[in-house]
Amino acid sequence: MEKIENSLSRVIVSACFKIHKNPGPGLLESVYEEILCYELEKQNLQFIRQKPVPLIYENIKLELGFRADIIVENKIIIEVKAIELLAPVHKMQLLTYLKITDIKLGLLVNFNCYDLSGNIKRLVNNL
């Protein structure tokens, strides 16, 4: 993993903690995504929201394999959640997104929790 991914992830995680503190848990995923993008803009980071990502399966190309919540600097995928509990399938989903895009680092963030520190999962692709 390059230094850039690690330094970007520190900025993103710091923004997530700031957001979790105020306004706190209990809002919709779309609200957290909007606020997180606002925080990323303040850091002058380039990002894309709700990016459609195609999937190639054997000889067919599906124009929409999934939508990435946020891709930062084309280096990190952030999957934003506002659910009661993260399940193993959420990690597998993000790992699949990382493989399809060939991005090395993903952050799975669940804002709907009491303690955010246990609800940010860092996942890596092919390391």
C-alpha atoms as a PDB file:
ATOM      1  CA  MET A   1       0.000   0.000   0.000  1.00  0.00           C
ATOM      2  CA  GLU A   2       1.401   3.332  -0.972  1.00  0.00           C
ATOM      3  CA  LYS A   3       1.768   6.268   1.366  1.00  0.00           C
ATOM      4  CA  ILE A   4      -0.905   8.204  -0.502  1.00  0.00           C
ATOM      5  CA  GLU A   5      -3.648   5.708   0.395  1.00  0.00           C
ATOM      6  CA  ASN A   6      -2.609   5.732   4.043  1.00  0.00           C
ATOM      7  CA  SER A   7      -2.524   9.530   4.287  1.00  0.00           C
ATOM      8  CA  LEU A   8      -5.846   9.835   2.439  1.00  0.00           C
ATOM      9  CA  SER A   9      -7.451   7.274   4.721  1.00  0.00           C
ATOM     10  CA  ARG A  10      -6.325   9.238   7.792  1.00  0.00           C
ATOM     11  CA  VAL A  11      -8.013  12.376   6.430  1.00  0.00           C
ATOM     12  CA  ILE A  12     -11.192  10.439   5.601  1.00  0.00           C
ATOM     13  CA  VAL A  13     -11.353   8.674   8.972  1.00  0.00           C
ATOM     14  CA  SER A  14     -10.802  11.979  10.787  1.00  0.00           C
ATOM     15  CA  ALA A  15     -13.704  13.501   8.827  1.00  0.00           C
ATOM     16  CA  CYS A  16     -15.888  10.502   9.703  1.00  0.00           C
ATOM     17  CA  PHE A  17     -15.214  10.968  13.421  1.00  0.00           C
ATOM     18  CA  LYS A  18     -16.020  14.665  13.119  1.00  0.00           C
ATOM     19  CA  ILE A  19     -19.315  13.832  11.403  1.00  0.00           C
ATOM     20  CA  HIS A  20     -20.172  11.123  13.933  1.00  0.00           C
ATOM     21  CA  LYS A  21     -19.674  13.605  16.761  1.00  0.00           C
ATOM     22  CA  ASN A  22     -21.904  16.213  15.110  1.00  0.00           C
ATOM     23  CA  PRO A  23     -24.610  15.617  13.863  1.00  0.00           C
ATOM     24  CA  GLY A  24     -24.252  12.076  15.246  1.00  0.00           C
ATOM     25  CA  PRO A  25     -26.004   8.780  14.487  1.00  0.00           C
ATOM     26  CA  GLY A  26     -29.577   8.277  13.294  1.00  0.00           C
ATOM     27  CA  LEU A  27     -29.624   9.957   9.877  1.00  0.00           C
ATOM     28  CA  LEU A  28     -29.967   8.513   6.368  1.00  0.00           C
ATOM     29  CA  GLU A  29     -26.939   7.199   4.466  1.00  0.00           C
ATOM     30  CA  SER A  30     -27.451   9.903   1.851  1.00  0.00           C
ATOM     31  CA  VAL A  31     -27.084  12.602   4.519  1.00  0.00           C
ATOM     32  CA  TYR A  32     -23.793  11.158   5.773  1.00  0.00           C
ATOM     33  CA  GLU A  33     -22.545  10.830   2.208  1.00  0.00           C
ATOM     34  CA  GLU A  34     -23.392  14.481   1.513  1.00  0.00           C
ATOM     35  CA  ILE A  35     -21.682  15.705   4.687  1.00  0.00           C
ATOM     36  CA  LEU A  36     -18.627  13.508   4.078  1.00  0.00           C
ATOM     37  CA  CYS A  37     -18.282  14.906   0.560  1.00  0.00           C
ATOM     38  CA  TYR A  38     -18.492  18.414   2.002  1.00  0.00           C
ATOM     39  CA  GLU A  39     -15.636  17.544   4.379  1.00  0.00           C
ATOM     40  CA  LEU A  40     -13.591  16.061   1.500  1.00  0.00           C
ATOM     41  CA  GLU A  41     -14.118  19.246  -0.532  1.00  0.00           C
ATOM     42  CA  LYS A  42     -12.817  21.311   2.378  1.00  0.00           C
ATOM     43  CA  GLN A  43      -9.625  19.194   2.204  1.00  0.00           C
ATOM     44  CA  ASN A  44      -9.351  19.870  -1.566  1.00  0.00           C
ATOM     45  CA  LEU A  45      -9.651  16.154  -2.336  1.00  0.00           C
ATOM     46  CA  GLN A  46     -10.945  14.960  -5.678  1.00  0.00           C
ATOM     47  CA  PHE A  47     -13.826  12.513  -5.470  1.00  0.00           C
ATOM     48  CA  ILE A  48     -16.706  11.042  -7.428  1.00  0.00           C
ATOM     49  CA  ARG A  49     -20.084  10.239  -5.863  1.00  0.00           C
ATOM     50  CA  GLN A  50     -22.396   7.411  -6.871  1.00  0.00           C
ATOM     51  CA  LYS A  51     -20.123   6.419  -9.751  1.00  0.00           C
ATOM     52  CA  PRO A  52     -21.628   3.690 -11.936  1.00  0.00           C
ATOM     53  CA  VAL A  53     -19.039   0.942 -12.367  1.00  0.00           C
ATOM     54  CA  PRO A  54     -19.412  -1.589 -15.190  1.00  0.00           C
ATOM     55  CA  LEU A  55     -18.795  -5.288 -14.729  1.00  0.00           C
ATOM     56  CA  ILE A  56     -17.290  -7.546 -17.373  1.00  0.00           C
ATOM     57  CA  TYR A  57     -18.354 -11.155 -17.003  1.00  0.00           C
ATOM     58  CA  GLU A  58     -16.904 -13.569 -19.573  1.00  0.00           C
ATOM     59  CA  ASN A  59     -17.978 -12.068 -22.918  1.00  0.00           C
ATOM     60  CA  ILE A  60     -20.555  -9.579 -21.697  1.00  0.00           C
ATOM     61  CA  LYS A  61     -20.235  -6.104 -20.294  1.00  0.00           C
ATOM     62  CA  LEU A  62     -22.873  -5.038 -17.808  1.00  0.00           C
ATOM     63  CA  GLU A  63     -22.973  -1.269 -17.835  1.00  0.00           C
ATOM     64  CA  LEU A  64     -23.869  -1.118 -14.164  1.00  0.00           C
ATOM     65  CA  GLY A  65     -22.240  -3.656 -11.881  1.00  0.00           C
ATOM     66  CA  PHE A  66     -22.666  -1.359  -8.872  1.00  0.00           C
ATOM     67  CA  ARG A  67     -22.547   2.281  -7.816  1.00  0.00           C
ATOM     68  CA  ALA A  68     -19.596   3.308  -5.694  1.00  0.00           C
ATOM     69  CA  ASP A  69     -20.740   5.638  -2.913  1.00  0.00           C
ATOM     70  CA  ILE A  70     -17.556   7.728  -2.997  1.00  0.00           C
ATOM     71  CA  ILE A  71     -14.235   7.194  -4.785  1.00  0.00           C
ATOM     72  CA  VAL A  72     -11.508   9.500  -3.438  1.00  0.00           C
ATOM     73  CA  GLU A  73      -8.567  10.469  -5.661  1.00  0.00           C
ATOM     74  CA  ASN A  74      -9.195   7.233  -7.593  1.00  0.00           C
ATOM     75  CA  LYS A  75      -7.394   5.507  -4.687  1.00  0.00           C
ATOM     76  CA  ILE A  76     -10.029   4.706  -2.037  1.00  0.00           C
ATOM     77  CA  ILE A  77     -13.624   3.528  -2.203  1.00  0.00           C
ATOM     78  CA  ILE A  78     -15.786   4.640   0.713  1.00  0.00           C
ATOM     79  CA  GLU A  79     -18.931   2.607   1.330  1.00  0.00           C
ATOM     80  CA  VAL A  80     -21.243   4.610   3.581  1.00  0.00           C
ATOM     81  CA  LYS A  81     -23.746   2.794   5.782  1.00  0.00           C
ATOM     82  CA  ALA A  82     -26.319   3.897   8.363  1.00  0.00           C
ATOM     83  CA  ILE A  83     -27.492   0.532   9.656  1.00  0.00           C
ATOM     84  CA  GLU A  84     -27.857  -1.181  13.018  1.00  0.00           C
ATOM     85  CA  LEU A  85     -24.958  -3.618  12.523  1.00  0.00           C
ATOM     86  CA  LEU A  86     -22.373  -4.297   9.855  1.00  0.00           C
ATOM     87  CA  ALA A  87     -22.631  -7.854   8.531  1.00  0.00           C
ATOM     88  CA  PRO A  88     -19.906  -9.961   6.891  1.00  0.00           C
ATOM     89  CA  VAL A  89     -21.680  -9.491   3.541  1.00  0.00           C
ATOM     90  CA  HIS A  90     -20.939  -5.746   3.678  1.00  0.00           C
ATOM     91  CA  LYS A  91     -17.197  -6.465   3.811  1.00  0.00           C
ATOM     92  CA  MET A  92     -17.480  -8.980   0.966  1.00  0.00           C
ATOM     93  CA  GLN A  93     -19.419  -6.456  -1.081  1.00  0.00           C
ATOM     94  CA  LEU A  94     -16.696  -3.821  -0.675  1.00  0.00           C
ATOM     95  CA  LEU A  95     -13.961  -6.362  -1.464  1.00  0.00           C
ATOM     96  CA  THR A  96     -15.797  -7.190  -4.689  1.00  0.00           C
ATOM     97  CA  TYR A  97     -15.997  -3.478  -5.537  1.00  0.00           C
ATOM     98  CA  LEU A  98     -12.253  -3.159  -4.958  1.00  0.00           C
ATOM     99  CA  LYS A  99     -11.525  -6.112  -7.260  1.00  0.00           C
ATOM    100  CA  ILE A 100     -13.782  -4.827 -10.036  1.00  0.00           C
ATOM    101  CA  THR A 101     -12.225  -1.348  -9.960  1.00  0.00           C
ATOM    102  CA  ASP A 102      -8.655  -2.509  -9.188  1.00  0.00           C
ATOM    103  CA  ILE A 103      -8.553   0.015  -6.345  1.00  0.00           C
ATOM    104  CA  LYS A 104      -6.375  -1.104  -3.440  1.00  0.00           C
ATOM    105  CA  LEU A 105      -8.115   0.366  -0.377  1.00  0.00           C
ATOM    106  CA  GLY A 106     -11.706   0.550   0.794  1.00  0.00           C
ATOM    107  CA  LEU A 107     -13.315   2.013   3.882  1.00  0.00           C
ATOM    108  CA  LEU A 108     -16.627   0.648   5.118  1.00  0.00           C
ATOM    109  CA  VAL A 109     -18.157   3.226   7.462  1.00  0.00           C
ATOM    110  CA  ASN A 110     -21.310   2.697   9.514  1.00  0.00           C
ATOM    111  CA  PHE A 111     -22.462   5.988  11.035  1.00  0.00           C
ATOM    112  CA  ASN A 112     -25.514   4.562  12.815  1.00  0.00           C
ATOM    113  CA  CYS A 113     -23.715   3.375  15.938  1.00  0.00           C
ATOM    114  CA  TYR A 114     -22.719   4.437  19.418  1.00  0.00           C
ATOM    115  CA  ASP A 115     -18.944   3.919  18.944  1.00  0.00           C
ATOM    116  CA  LEU A 116     -17.617   4.742  15.484  1.00  0.00           C
ATOM    117  CA  SER A 117     -14.152   3.279  16.158  1.00  0.00           C
ATOM    118  CA  GLY A 118     -15.506  -0.270  15.814  1.00  0.00           C
ATOM    119  CA  ASN A 119     -17.614   0.639  12.801  1.00  0.00           C
ATOM    120  CA  ILE A 120     -14.955   1.724  10.332  1.00  0.00           C
ATOM    121  CA  LYS A 121     -13.512  -1.259   8.497  1.00  0.00           C
ATOM    122  CA  ARG A 122     -10.397  -0.898   6.368  1.00  0.00           C
ATOM    123  CA  LEU A 123     -10.267  -3.458   3.548  1.00  0.00           C
ATOM    124  CA  VAL A 124      -7.463  -4.038   1.064  1.00  0.00           C
ATOM    125  CA  ASN A 125      -7.402  -5.590  -2.382  1.00  0.00           C
ATOM    126  CA  ASN A 126      -4.599  -7.997  -3.371  1.00  0.00           C
ATOM    127  CA  LEU A 127      -2.096  -7.185  -0.661  1.00  0.00           C
END
